[in-house]
C-alpha atoms as a PDB file:
ATOM      1  CA  MET A   1      -0.259   0.232  -0.113  1.00  0.00           C
ATOM      2  CA  ILE A   2       1.254   3.380  -0.941  1.00  0.00           C
ATOM      3  CA  VAL A   3       0.354   6.481   1.094  1.00  0.00           C
ATOM      4  CA  HIS A   4       0.653   9.704  -0.722  1.00  0.00           C
ATOM      5  CA  LEU A   5       1.559  12.502   1.743  1.00  0.00           C
ATOM      6  CA  GLY A   6       1.420  16.091  -0.177  1.00  0.00           C
ATOM      7  CA  ASP A   7       4.718  16.630  -2.074  1.00  0.00           C
ATOM      8  CA  VAL A   8       6.588  13.294  -1.128  1.00  0.00           C
ATOM      9  CA  ARG A   9       8.178  11.698  -3.817  1.00  0.00           C
ATOM     10  CA  GLU A  10       6.687   8.671  -5.524  1.00  0.00           C
ATOM     11  CA  PRO A  11       8.797   5.290  -4.419  1.00  0.00           C
ATOM     12  CA  LEU A  12      11.279   4.069  -6.917  1.00  0.00           C
ATOM     13  CA  SER A  13       9.778   2.446 -10.193  1.00  0.00           C
ATOM     14  CA  ASP A  14      10.858  -0.743 -11.353  1.00  0.00           C
ATOM     15  CA  ARG A  15      13.197   0.159 -14.068  1.00  0.00           C
ATOM     16  CA  SER A  16      15.617   2.173 -11.446  1.00  0.00           C
ATOM     17  CA  ILE A  17      15.303  -0.588  -8.757  1.00  0.00           C
ATOM     18  CA  ALA A  18      16.392  -2.940 -11.977  1.00  0.00           C
ATOM     19  CA  VAL A  19      19.333  -0.896 -12.826  1.00  0.00           C
ATOM     20  CA  LEU A  20      20.114   0.189  -8.800  1.00  0.00           C
ATOM     21  CA  TYR A  21      20.029  -4.504  -8.802  1.00  0.00           C
ATOM     22  CA  ARG A  22      22.071  -4.490 -11.814  1.00  0.00           C
ATOM     23  CA  PHE A  23      24.832  -2.057 -10.561  1.00  0.00           C
ATOM     24  CA  VAL A  24      25.071  -4.023  -7.518  1.00  0.00           C
ATOM     25  CA  ARG A  25      25.795  -7.421  -9.292  1.00  0.00           C
ATOM     26  CA  TRP A  26      28.667  -5.673 -11.543  1.00  0.00           C
ATOM     27  CA  PRO A  27      30.730  -8.276 -12.525  1.00  0.00           C
ATOM     28  CA  MET A  28      34.469  -7.594 -10.293  1.00  0.00           C
ATOM     29  CA  ASP A  29      36.487  -8.176 -13.812  1.00  0.00           C
ATOM     30  CA  VAL A  30      34.368  -5.281 -15.421  1.00  0.00           C
ATOM     31  CA  GLU A  31      35.388  -1.366 -15.041  1.00  0.00           C
ATOM     32  CA  ASP A  32      33.029   0.642 -12.746  1.00  0.00           C
ATOM     33  CA  SER A  33      31.886   3.926 -14.889  1.00  0.00           C
ATOM     34  CA  PHE A  34      30.658   5.193 -11.858  1.00  0.00           C
ATOM     35  CA  LYS A  35      34.177   4.847  -9.950  1.00  0.00           C
ATOM     36  CA  ASN A  36      34.825   8.785 -10.539  1.00  0.00           C
ATOM     37  CA  GLU A  37      31.285   9.927  -9.182  1.00  0.00           C
ATOM     38  CA  LYS A  38      31.780  12.268  -6.103  1.00  0.00           C
ATOM     39  CA  PRO A  39      30.340  10.898  -3.183  1.00  0.00           C
ATOM     40  CA  PHE A  40      27.417  13.238  -1.734  1.00  0.00           C
ATOM     41  CA  THR A  41      28.366  16.572   0.038  1.00  0.00           C
ATOM     42  CA  GLU A  42      26.823  17.736   3.163  1.00  0.00           C
ATOM     43  CA  GLU A  43      24.744  20.069   2.127  1.00  0.00           C
ATOM     44  CA  GLU A  44      23.064  17.743  -0.347  1.00  0.00           C
ATOM     45  CA  ILE A  45      22.813  15.462   2.463  1.00  0.00           C
ATOM     46  CA  GLU A  46      20.831  18.166   4.425  1.00  0.00           C
ATOM     47  CA  GLN A  47      18.986  18.982   1.516  1.00  0.00           C
ATOM     48  CA  MET A  48      17.511  15.637   1.437  1.00  0.00           C
ATOM     49  CA  LYS A  49      16.674  15.642   5.066  1.00  0.00           C
ATOM     50  CA  SER A  50      14.679  18.565   5.020  1.00  0.00           C
ATOM     51  CA  LEU A  51      13.018  18.090   1.430  1.00  0.00           C
ATOM     52  CA  GLY A  52      13.421  14.407   0.554  1.00  0.00           C
ATOM     53  CA  PRO A  53      14.075  12.165  -0.161  1.00  0.00           C
ATOM     54  CA  ARG A  54      14.067  11.806   3.802  1.00  0.00           C
ATOM     55  CA  GLY A  55      14.946   8.315   3.761  1.00  0.00           C
ATOM     56  CA  LEU A  56      17.865   8.617   1.928  1.00  0.00           C
ATOM     57  CA  GLY A  57      19.376  11.809   3.791  1.00  0.00           C
ATOM     58  CA  GLU A  58      19.015  10.392   7.200  1.00  0.00           C
ATOM     59  CA  LEU A  59      21.093   6.881   5.488  1.00  0.00           C
ATOM     60  CA  MET A  60      23.406   9.000   4.534  1.00  0.00           C
ATOM     61  CA  ASP A  61      23.864  11.066   7.495  1.00  0.00           C
ATOM     62  CA  GLU A  62      23.679   7.717   9.438  1.00  0.00           C
ATOM     63  CA  LEU A  63      26.772   6.455   7.185  1.00  0.00           C
ATOM     64  CA  GLY A  64      28.594   9.612   7.840  1.00  0.00           C
ATOM     65  CA  GLN A  65      28.510   9.339  11.208  1.00  0.00           C
ATOM     66  CA  ILE A  66      29.397   5.979  11.168  1.00  0.00           C
ATOM     67  CA  ARG A  67      32.734   6.888   9.115  1.00  0.00           C
ATOM     68  CA  LYS A  68      33.138   9.556  11.633  1.00  0.00           C
ATOM     69  CA  GLY A  69      33.313   6.901  14.422  1.00  0.00           C
ATOM     70  CA  LYS A  70      30.624   8.367  15.935  1.00  0.00           C
ATOM     71  CA  GLY A  71      27.807   5.798  14.830  1.00  0.00           C
ATOM     72  CA  HIS A  72      24.612   6.290  16.538  1.00  0.00           C
ATOM     73  CA  THR A  73      21.777   4.370  16.894  1.00  0.00           C
ATOM     74  CA  LYS A  74      17.645   6.051  16.879  1.00  0.00           C
ATOM     75  CA  THR A  75      15.672   5.946  19.753  1.00  0.00           C
END
């Protein structure tokens, strides 16, 4: 069931999920064409947390905290 909440974006399409799935299944012997892609900036993460996709912003923020050695869990 999908609940629509104002300006909240729709979930990923099945095609987007297929691209992501195939990317994570990328063969080890094939060059990764995205290896030089820049990571999210802190500003991008904050914008995601404020405007959406909020879940992705929270996930990236949590990942950043873990990488900094400041991992925390939500209560």
